[in-house]
Amino acid sequence: MDVLPRLLYHRIRVTPLVERVIEARVHGRYLVRRASGAEAAGLVVGFHGYAEDAAIHLDALSAIPDIDSWLIVSVQALHPFYTRDQTVVANWMTRQDREHAIVDNVDYVGRVLEAVHAEHGARRPLVFAGFSQGGAMAYRAAARYPSDALIVLASDVPPDVLAATRVSLPPVLVGRGVNDRWYTAAKHAADLEALRAAGVVVESCVFDGGHEWGEPFYTAAARHLREVLAPT
């Protein structure tokens, strides 16, 4: 009775396994909320967290005070999946083939920017924003595409951004809830130190809350946007 399982196990071990990666074309989706005026004051492009979608993030961005004059774009991650209640959500990447996913995602952001500019004309000022896993995307987008500000909540700086020969980021607002068990106080402090050491202008907002949006952070984000529009 034991002969067959042992033979199969032996066969699996000796059979060579070859892994390949191939580029595939996929379609992404993004949501746009038009500015209240005839012409947008600027463009905010945001990235949602793990197991969220573009609509959830658009609602969060829309709650920032005085953001009505901005064109808001909420980008949905390229990897959708179902929750247990069959809601469609998405995530940006996993540890598998992470380097390829980073390249794909950054290229995806560029395509969204081109499409938004072609349809709406909005280009600058440009602000990237991200929550949780989407915060890493916001950092990567700001490191790749010229922008005027960066708003990040509950997310650490991706090591690939800090590993660049020259860290080129706009002024950054970094937020954290004091009860956030994922984005800890130690991670937050390390990020602030690393960003400042790289010459990035950083503002920190720590508020009473968890891994979530909080009113103090909304207020800080609104101030961050006003500073972008302030005459120099």
Protein backbone atom coordinates (compact mmCIF):
# COMPACT_ATOMS: atom_id res chain seq x y z
CA MET A 1 0.00 0.00 0.00
CA ASP A 2 2.94 2.35 0.61
CA VAL A 3 4.78 1.72 -2.67
CA LEU A 4 2.74 4.03 -4.93
CA PRO A 5 2.84 7.13 -2.68
CA ARG A 6 6.59 6.75 -2.28
CA LEU A 7 7.09 6.41 -6.03
CA LEU A 8 4.97 9.46 -6.76
CA TYR A 9 6.83 11.48 -4.17
CA HIS A 10 10.14 10.43 -5.70
CA ARG A 11 8.91 11.40 -9.17
CA ILE A 12 7.84 14.86 -8.00
CA ARG A 13 11.22 15.50 -6.42
CA VAL A 14 13.26 14.57 -9.47
CA THR A 15 11.10 16.27 -12.11
CA PRO A 16 12.66 19.65 -12.96
CA LEU A 17 10.40 22.64 -12.43
CA VAL A 18 10.85 25.61 -14.76
CA GLU A 19 9.24 28.92 -13.92
CA ARG A 20 8.72 31.70 -16.44
CA VAL A 21 7.14 35.15 -16.31
CA ILE A 22 5.34 36.61 -19.31
CA GLU A 23 3.89 40.05 -19.86
CA ALA A 24 0.09 40.05 -20.18
CA ARG A 25 -2.32 42.81 -21.09
CA VAL A 26 -4.99 43.62 -18.51
CA HIS A 27 -7.48 46.44 -18.09
CA GLY A 28 -7.67 48.59 -14.99
CA ARG A 29 -10.48 50.85 -13.82
CA TYR A 30 -10.53 54.23 -12.15
CA LEU A 31 -13.22 56.59 -10.92
CA VAL A 32 -13.32 60.32 -11.53
CA ARG A 33 -15.10 62.97 -9.50
CA ARG A 34 -15.23 66.24 -11.37
CA ALA A 35 -14.40 69.55 -9.72
CA SER A 36 -17.23 71.84 -8.72
CA GLY A 37 -16.00 74.73 -10.87
CA ALA A 38 -15.58 75.07 -14.60
CA GLU A 39 -11.86 74.44 -14.21
CA ALA A 40 -10.24 72.20 -11.62
CA ALA A 41 -7.81 73.75 -9.16
CA GLY A 42 -5.66 70.66 -9.49
CA LEU A 43 -5.63 66.87 -9.70
CA VAL A 44 -5.64 64.40 -6.78
CA VAL A 45 -4.88 60.80 -7.72
CA GLY A 46 -5.48 58.25 -4.97
CA PHE A 47 -4.85 54.56 -4.29
CA HIS A 48 -7.00 52.41 -2.01
CA GLY A 49 -5.95 49.95 0.65
CA TYR A 50 -5.94 46.15 0.63
CA ALA A 51 -9.41 44.58 0.17
CA GLU A 52 -10.92 47.93 -0.77
CA ASP A 53 -11.90 49.35 -4.13
CA ALA A 54 -11.80 52.65 -5.98
CA ALA A 55 -15.25 53.69 -4.73
CA ILE A 56 -14.26 53.34 -1.08
CA HIS A 57 -11.17 55.45 -1.61
CA LEU A 58 -13.04 58.04 -3.63
CA ASP A 59 -15.45 58.50 -0.74
CA ALA A 60 -12.53 58.94 1.66
CA LEU A 61 -10.82 61.53 -0.54
CA SER A 62 -14.08 63.37 -1.14
CA ALA A 63 -14.43 63.86 2.63
CA ILE A 64 -11.31 66.06 2.77
CA PRO A 65 -12.52 69.59 3.57
CA ASP A 66 -12.53 72.06 0.65
CA ILE A 67 -11.53 69.46 -1.92
CA ASP A 68 -14.52 70.23 -4.16
CA SER A 69 -12.42 72.45 -6.42
CA TRP A 70 -10.05 69.55 -7.23
CA LEU A 71 -10.51 66.82 -9.82
CA ILE A 72 -10.27 63.53 -7.94
CA VAL A 73 -9.21 60.25 -9.53
CA SER A 74 -9.37 57.02 -7.55
CA VAL A 75 -7.40 54.19 -9.14
CA GLN A 76 -8.36 50.57 -8.53
CA ALA A 77 -5.71 47.88 -8.17
CA LEU A 78 -5.26 45.41 -11.02
CA HIS A 79 -5.85 42.29 -8.91
CA PRO A 80 -9.54 41.89 -7.96
CA PHE A 81 -10.93 39.16 -5.71
CA TYR A 82 -14.12 38.30 -3.84
CA THR A 83 -14.67 38.73 -0.13
CA ARG A 84 -16.69 36.10 1.73
CA ASP A 85 -19.86 38.06 1.06
CA GLN A 86 -19.00 38.16 -2.67
CA THR A 87 -18.06 41.83 -2.71
CA VAL A 88 -15.44 42.60 -5.38
CA VAL A 89 -12.34 44.21 -3.90
CA ALA A 90 -8.72 44.37 -5.02
CA ASN A 91 -5.09 44.43 -3.94
CA TRP A 92 -1.98 45.90 -5.48
CA MET A 93 0.43 42.99 -5.16
CA THR A 94 1.66 40.05 -3.12
CA ARG A 95 5.18 38.88 -2.38
CA GLN A 96 5.05 36.62 -5.47
CA ASP A 97 6.63 38.29 -8.51
CA ARG A 98 6.65 41.53 -6.54
CA GLU A 99 9.26 43.26 -8.71
CA HIS A 100 7.20 42.66 -11.85
CA ALA A 101 4.04 43.89 -10.13
CA ILE A 102 5.78 47.13 -9.14
CA VAL A 103 6.75 47.81 -12.74
CA ASP A 104 3.24 46.98 -13.96
CA ASN A 105 1.57 49.18 -11.35
CA VAL A 106 3.79 52.21 -11.93
CA ASP A 107 3.23 51.93 -15.68
CA TYR A 108 -0.52 51.64 -15.01
CA VAL A 109 -0.45 54.92 -13.08
CA GLY A 110 1.22 56.63 -16.03
CA ARG A 111 -1.49 55.39 -18.37
CA VAL A 112 -4.19 56.68 -16.04
CA LEU A 113 -2.51 60.09 -15.91
CA GLU A 114 -2.36 60.22 -19.70
CA ALA A 115 -6.01 59.26 -20.03
CA VAL A 116 -7.16 61.79 -17.44
CA HIS A 117 -5.18 64.55 -19.10
CA ALA A 118 -6.62 63.66 -22.51
CA GLU A 119 -10.20 63.65 -21.24
CA HIS A 120 -10.18 66.38 -18.58
CA GLY A 121 -7.12 68.46 -19.34
CA ALA A 122 -6.01 68.37 -15.71
CA ARG A 123 -2.29 67.88 -15.21
CA ARG A 124 -0.80 70.15 -12.53
CA PRO A 125 -0.76 70.75 -9.68
CA LEU A 126 -0.77 67.01 -9.08
CA VAL A 127 -1.14 65.38 -5.68
CA PHE A 128 -0.85 61.65 -5.04
CA ALA A 129 -2.64 60.11 -2.06
CA GLY A 130 -2.81 56.61 -0.62
CA PHE A 131 -4.14 54.61 2.30
CA SER A 132 -2.50 51.49 3.73
CA GLN A 133 -1.29 49.26 0.86
CA GLY A 134 -2.23 52.09 -1.49
CA GLY A 135 0.17 54.35 0.37
CA ALA A 136 3.07 52.38 -1.07
CA MET A 137 1.62 52.97 -4.52
CA ALA A 138 1.34 56.70 -3.81
CA TYR A 139 5.02 56.80 -2.83
CA ARG A 140 6.03 54.93 -5.97
CA ALA A 141 3.88 57.12 -8.20
CA ALA A 142 5.33 60.30 -6.70
CA ALA A 143 8.84 58.95 -7.11
CA ARG A 144 8.21 58.27 -10.81
CA TYR A 145 5.94 61.11 -11.98
CA PRO A 146 6.56 64.80 -11.18
CA SER A 147 4.04 65.94 -8.58
CA ASP A 148 3.48 68.72 -6.10
CA ALA A 149 2.48 66.92 -2.90
CA LEU A 150 1.99 63.49 -1.41
CA ILE A 151 -0.60 62.43 1.19
CA VAL A 152 -0.05 59.04 2.85
CA LEU A 153 -2.02 57.43 5.66
CA ALA A 154 -1.17 54.23 7.55
CA SER A 155 1.58 53.10 5.20
CA ASP A 156 5.33 52.79 5.39
CA VAL A 157 7.74 53.96 2.71
CA PRO A 158 8.51 51.16 0.22
CA PRO A 159 12.15 50.06 0.43
CA ASP A 160 12.48 50.32 -3.35
CA VAL A 161 11.70 54.06 -3.14
CA LEU A 162 14.28 54.68 -0.44
CA ALA A 163 16.84 52.52 -2.25
CA ALA A 164 16.86 54.82 -5.26
CA THR A 165 20.09 56.70 -5.94
CA ARG A 166 18.18 59.94 -5.56
CA VAL A 167 14.94 60.06 -3.59
CA SER A 168 12.81 62.60 -5.45
CA LEU A 169 9.56 63.17 -3.60
CA PRO A 170 7.39 66.26 -3.15
CA PRO A 171 6.39 67.48 0.35
CA VAL A 172 4.80 64.55 2.18
CA LEU A 173 2.05 64.38 4.79
CA VAL A 174 2.36 61.11 6.72
CA GLY A 175 -0.53 60.09 8.98
CA ARG A 176 -0.92 57.44 11.65
CA GLY A 177 -3.57 56.48 14.20
CA VAL A 178 -2.11 55.90 17.66
CA ASN A 179 -3.89 52.53 17.90
CA ASP A 180 -2.77 51.30 14.48
CA ARG A 181 -1.30 47.85 15.08
CA TRP A 182 0.02 47.52 11.53
CA TYR A 183 1.63 50.89 10.92
CA THR A 184 3.28 51.11 14.31
CA ALA A 185 4.87 54.08 16.05
CA ALA A 186 8.29 52.55 15.36
CA LYS A 187 7.61 52.27 11.62
CA HIS A 188 6.27 55.81 11.55
CA ALA A 189 9.31 57.20 13.33
CA ALA A 190 11.67 55.27 11.05
CA ASP A 191 9.90 56.60 7.95
CA LEU A 192 10.09 60.20 9.15
CA GLU A 193 13.80 59.82 9.85
CA ALA A 194 14.51 58.14 6.50
CA LEU A 195 12.54 60.70 4.49
CA ARG A 196 14.12 63.68 6.21
CA ALA A 197 17.56 62.15 5.80
CA ALA A 198 16.83 61.96 2.07
CA GLY A 199 15.99 65.66 2.00
CA VAL A 200 12.21 65.25 1.73
CA VAL A 201 9.97 67.84 3.40
CA VAL A 202 7.74 65.87 5.77
CA GLU A 203 4.76 66.72 7.95
CA SER A 204 3.50 64.17 10.47
CA CYS A 205 -0.08 63.80 11.69
CA VAL A 206 -0.70 61.41 14.59
CA PHE A 207 -4.30 61.16 15.76
CA ASP A 208 -6.51 59.18 18.10
CA GLY A 209 -7.63 56.25 16.01
CA GLY A 210 -6.61 52.97 14.43
CA HIS A 211 -5.85 51.79 10.91
CA GLU A 212 -8.35 54.23 9.45
CA TRP A 213 -9.07 57.76 8.33
CA GLY A 214 -9.52 60.23 11.19
CA GLU A 215 -10.82 63.79 11.40
CA PRO A 216 -7.43 65.29 12.37
CA PHE A 217 -5.89 63.69 9.30
CA TYR A 218 -8.65 65.04 7.06
CA THR A 219 -7.90 68.51 8.43
CA ALA A 220 -4.17 68.07 7.85
CA ALA A 221 -4.79 66.81 4.30
CA ALA A 222 -6.93 69.87 3.53
CA ARG A 223 -4.14 72.12 4.78
CA HIS A 224 -1.64 70.19 2.67
CA LEU A 225 -3.76 70.83 -0.44
CA ARG A 226 -4.15 74.52 0.38
CA GLU A 227 -0.39 74.86 0.64
CA VAL A 228 -0.05 73.42 -2.85
CA LEU A 229 -2.30 76.14 -4.21
CA ALA A 230 -0.77 78.95 -2.16
CA PRO A 231 1.18 81.48 -4.25
CA THR A 232 4.94 81.31 -3.80
